[in-house]
Amino acid sequence: MQYYFSAKSNTLDYNDNKRYDKILSKLESLGHENTNYVHMDLNSKKYKMIQNYINKNEKTVLDLQLEYLLSSDALICDLTVPSTTVGFQIATAINSKIPCLAIILQDEYNNTDELDPIVLTKEYYGLLKYAKISDLDELDEIVNQFILECVERPYKFNFFLPLNTHNTIARHARKSGKSKSELIREIIDNYIEKNKDKIQ
């Protein structure tokens, strides 16, 4: 899974930055890739490539952050320390039907008991999940469950077809013994597989 990691980025608190590193390392160990270059190793090849891309295309940081957020499979954020920027990115993701996982870590440095329990239970169309944890080892199960419930779940997508296209699909569906929706999904999946290098 390609995820966009979001967290309060202007913090000077050592424990905040240490927590971000632990979350990113844990997600990387689970085989997931972070697309937000703000939280990448400054010496990494990918970070330098992105910086070069920004300079060549005269893009702003906001332009690039939105581009990477909207092309990711999910948004995973640290809400242990509240941030308006993270809130904006959550709203942007939900509006674009990108599932979000908000992690709230409670340890010796952070006490989140004062958070409003109503806020913690809102899930916004099934796209936003909160995980209040005391140990980062809990992330394994939480992330896997999040992927099953949100990232890999089917989403309803309605659109109109020209009559000739509809009739062609209906005819092929009857011949193959599949429903029209099954055939359309198969066509889309085959197109994505064939053109995955162009549409990443």
Protein backbone atom coordinates (compact mmCIF):
# COMPACT_ATOMS: atom_id res chain seq x y z
CA MET A 1 0.00 0.00 0.00
CA GLN A 2 1.18 3.53 -0.78
CA TYR A 3 0.17 5.82 2.05
CA TYR A 4 0.58 9.53 2.68
CA PHE A 5 1.90 10.19 6.19
CA SER A 6 0.71 13.35 7.87
CA ALA A 7 1.69 14.82 11.24
CA LYS A 8 2.35 18.17 12.86
CA SER A 9 5.51 19.09 10.97
CA ASN A 10 6.63 22.28 12.74
CA THR A 11 7.15 20.65 16.12
CA LEU A 12 10.46 21.06 17.90
CA ASP A 13 9.59 18.41 20.46
CA TYR A 14 12.11 15.56 20.35
CA ASN A 15 9.49 13.02 21.47
CA ASP A 16 7.15 14.00 18.62
CA ASN A 17 9.82 13.48 15.97
CA LYS A 18 10.94 10.25 17.60
CA ARG A 19 7.33 9.01 17.50
CA TYR A 20 7.01 9.87 13.80
CA ASP A 21 10.18 7.92 13.03
CA LYS A 22 8.86 4.90 14.94
CA ILE A 23 5.52 4.97 13.12
CA LEU A 24 7.20 5.32 9.72
CA SER A 25 9.67 2.53 10.50
CA LYS A 26 6.86 0.26 11.67
CA LEU A 27 4.82 0.89 8.51
CA GLU A 28 7.88 0.34 6.32
CA SER A 29 8.55 -2.98 8.08
CA LEU A 30 4.98 -3.99 7.19
CA GLY A 31 5.77 -3.38 3.51
CA HIS A 32 4.00 -0.03 3.05
CA GLU A 33 5.48 3.01 1.26
CA ASN A 34 5.22 6.62 2.42
CA THR A 35 4.55 9.14 -0.38
CA ASN A 36 4.91 12.36 1.65
CA TYR A 37 8.43 13.59 1.00
CA VAL A 38 8.25 16.00 3.98
CA HIS A 39 8.63 12.94 6.23
CA MET A 40 11.34 11.22 4.19
CA ASP A 41 15.05 10.82 4.86
CA LEU A 42 16.66 14.02 3.50
CA ASN A 43 19.56 12.01 2.10
CA SER A 44 17.42 9.39 0.39
CA LYS A 45 17.47 9.03 -3.38
CA LYS A 46 13.69 9.47 -3.57
CA TYR A 47 13.77 12.73 -1.57
CA LYS A 48 16.46 14.19 -3.85
CA MET A 49 14.52 13.09 -6.93
CA ILE A 50 11.38 14.84 -5.66
CA GLN A 51 13.30 18.03 -4.81
CA ASN A 52 14.71 18.03 -8.35
CA TYR A 53 11.17 17.55 -9.71
CA ILE A 54 9.92 20.56 -7.70
CA ASN A 55 12.73 22.77 -9.00
CA LYS A 56 12.24 21.73 -12.64
CA ASN A 57 8.44 22.09 -12.62
CA GLU A 58 8.27 25.18 -10.39
CA LYS A 59 5.84 23.46 -8.05
CA THR A 60 5.13 24.68 -4.53
CA VAL A 61 5.32 22.37 -1.53
CA LEU A 62 1.51 22.56 -1.22
CA ASP A 63 1.05 21.59 -4.89
CA LEU A 64 3.25 18.56 -4.46
CA GLN A 65 1.76 17.51 -1.13
CA LEU A 66 -1.75 17.58 -2.61
CA GLU A 67 -0.58 15.69 -5.70
CA TYR A 68 0.95 12.91 -3.61
CA LEU A 69 -1.96 12.80 -1.15
CA LEU A 70 -4.54 12.44 -3.92
CA SER A 71 -2.55 9.68 -5.66
CA SER A 72 -2.08 7.59 -2.48
CA ASP A 73 -4.09 4.55 -1.43
CA ALA A 74 -4.63 5.97 2.05
CA LEU A 75 -3.79 8.76 4.49
CA ILE A 76 -2.18 7.67 7.75
CA CYS A 77 -1.67 10.42 10.29
CA ASP A 78 -0.44 10.99 13.81
CA LEU A 79 -3.06 12.92 15.77
CA THR A 80 -1.32 12.56 19.12
CA VAL A 81 -0.55 16.27 18.80
CA PRO A 82 -3.50 18.09 17.13
CA SER A 83 -2.70 20.03 13.95
CA THR A 84 -4.84 22.18 11.65
CA THR A 85 -2.70 21.10 8.68
CA VAL A 86 -3.39 17.43 9.41
CA GLY A 87 -7.09 18.27 9.81
CA PHE A 88 -7.08 19.96 6.38
CA GLN A 89 -5.40 16.93 4.82
CA ILE A 90 -7.93 14.57 6.44
CA ALA A 91 -10.80 16.68 5.07
CA THR A 92 -9.17 16.71 1.60
CA ALA A 93 -8.71 12.94 1.67
CA ILE A 94 -12.29 12.23 2.82
CA ASN A 95 -13.67 14.59 0.17
CA SER A 96 -11.69 12.58 -2.42
CA LYS A 97 -12.85 9.25 -0.90
CA ILE A 98 -9.35 8.34 0.27
CA PRO A 99 -9.50 6.27 3.49
CA CYS A 100 -7.77 7.73 6.57
CA LEU A 101 -6.27 6.14 9.67
CA ALA A 102 -5.63 8.53 12.57
CA ILE A 103 -3.17 7.22 15.16
CA ILE A 104 -3.23 8.58 18.71
CA LEU A 105 -0.40 7.29 20.86
CA GLN A 106 -0.78 7.40 24.62
CA ASP A 107 2.49 6.83 26.50
CA GLU A 108 4.53 8.44 29.24
CA TYR A 109 4.95 11.58 27.11
CA ASN A 110 1.39 11.95 25.87
CA ASN A 111 -1.86 11.82 27.79
CA THR A 112 -4.85 11.86 25.46
CA ASP A 113 -7.57 11.29 28.07
CA GLU A 114 -8.82 14.83 27.55
CA LEU A 115 -9.76 14.19 23.91
CA ASP A 116 -13.48 14.40 23.25
CA PRO A 117 -14.81 10.79 22.96
CA ILE A 118 -17.42 11.99 20.45
CA VAL A 119 -14.64 13.16 18.12
CA LEU A 120 -12.91 9.80 18.46
CA THR A 121 -15.99 7.87 17.34
CA LYS A 122 -16.84 9.84 14.20
CA GLU A 123 -15.98 7.79 11.12
CA TYR A 124 -17.26 9.90 8.21
CA TYR A 125 -18.79 7.55 5.66
CA GLY A 126 -16.53 4.70 6.78
CA LEU A 127 -13.47 6.54 5.46
CA LEU A 128 -11.96 7.72 8.76
CA LYS A 129 -10.78 5.32 11.48
CA TYR A 130 -9.24 6.29 14.81
CA ALA A 131 -6.74 4.10 16.62
CA LYS A 132 -5.89 5.06 20.20
CA ILE A 133 -2.91 2.92 21.19
CA SER A 134 -0.35 2.63 23.97
CA ASP A 135 2.30 0.67 22.05
CA LEU A 136 3.37 0.90 18.40
CA ASP A 137 3.44 -2.90 18.20
CA GLU A 138 -0.36 -2.64 18.08
CA LEU A 139 -0.03 -1.06 14.62
CA ASP A 140 0.41 -4.42 12.87
CA GLU A 141 -3.14 -5.56 13.54
CA ILE A 142 -4.63 -2.06 13.29
CA VAL A 143 -3.12 -1.34 9.86
CA ASN A 144 -4.08 -4.77 8.50
CA GLN A 145 -7.67 -4.29 9.72
CA PHE A 146 -7.74 -0.78 8.26
CA ILE A 147 -6.64 -2.10 4.87
CA LEU A 148 -9.33 -4.79 4.89
CA GLU A 149 -12.13 -2.47 6.04
CA CYS A 150 -11.26 0.72 4.16
CA VAL A 151 -8.55 0.45 1.52
CA GLU A 152 -9.61 -2.79 -0.15
CA ARG A 153 -13.36 -2.47 0.27
CA PRO A 154 -15.36 -1.89 -2.93
CA TYR A 155 -16.71 1.61 -3.56
CA LYS A 156 -19.88 2.42 -5.46
CA PHE A 157 -19.23 4.35 -8.66
CA ASN A 158 -22.11 5.43 -10.90
CA PHE A 159 -21.74 6.72 -14.44
CA PHE A 160 -23.73 6.91 -17.67
CA LEU A 161 -22.86 4.95 -20.82
CA PRO A 162 -23.77 5.66 -24.46
CA LEU A 163 -26.46 3.23 -25.66
CA ASN A 164 -24.12 1.41 -28.07
CA THR A 165 -21.51 0.89 -25.34
CA HIS A 166 -24.16 -0.36 -22.91
CA ASN A 167 -25.57 -2.81 -25.45
CA THR A 168 -22.07 -4.11 -26.31
CA ILE A 169 -21.28 -4.71 -22.63
CA ALA A 170 -24.68 -6.33 -22.02
CA ARG A 171 -24.15 -8.65 -25.02
CA HIS A 172 -20.68 -9.72 -23.86
CA ALA A 173 -21.90 -10.15 -20.30
CA ARG A 174 -24.63 -12.54 -21.43
CA LYS A 175 -22.16 -14.56 -23.50
CA SER A 176 -19.64 -14.82 -20.67
CA GLY A 177 -22.21 -15.52 -17.95
CA LYS A 178 -21.10 -12.47 -15.99
CA SER A 179 -23.03 -9.45 -14.80
CA LYS A 180 -22.46 -6.10 -16.53
CA SER A 181 -20.76 -4.69 -13.42
CA GLU A 182 -18.40 -7.70 -13.24
CA LEU A 183 -17.44 -7.23 -16.88
CA ILE A 184 -16.85 -3.47 -16.44
CA ARG A 185 -14.65 -4.11 -13.38
CA GLU A 186 -12.68 -6.69 -15.38
CA ILE A 187 -12.17 -4.22 -18.26
CA ILE A 188 -11.00 -1.50 -15.85
CA ASP A 189 -8.66 -3.87 -13.97
CA ASN A 190 -7.14 -5.07 -17.27
CA TYR A 191 -6.65 -1.48 -18.43
CA ILE A 192 -4.94 -0.51 -15.15
CA GLU A 193 -2.68 -3.56 -15.27
CA LYS A 194 -1.73 -2.86 -18.88
CA ASN A 195 -1.04 0.83 -18.26
CA LYS A 196 0.20 0.78 -14.65
CA ASP A 197 3.50 2.46 -15.54
CA LYS A 198 1.66 5.39 -17.15
CA ILE A 199 -0.99 5.99 -14.49
CA GLN A 200 1.00 5.64 -11.24
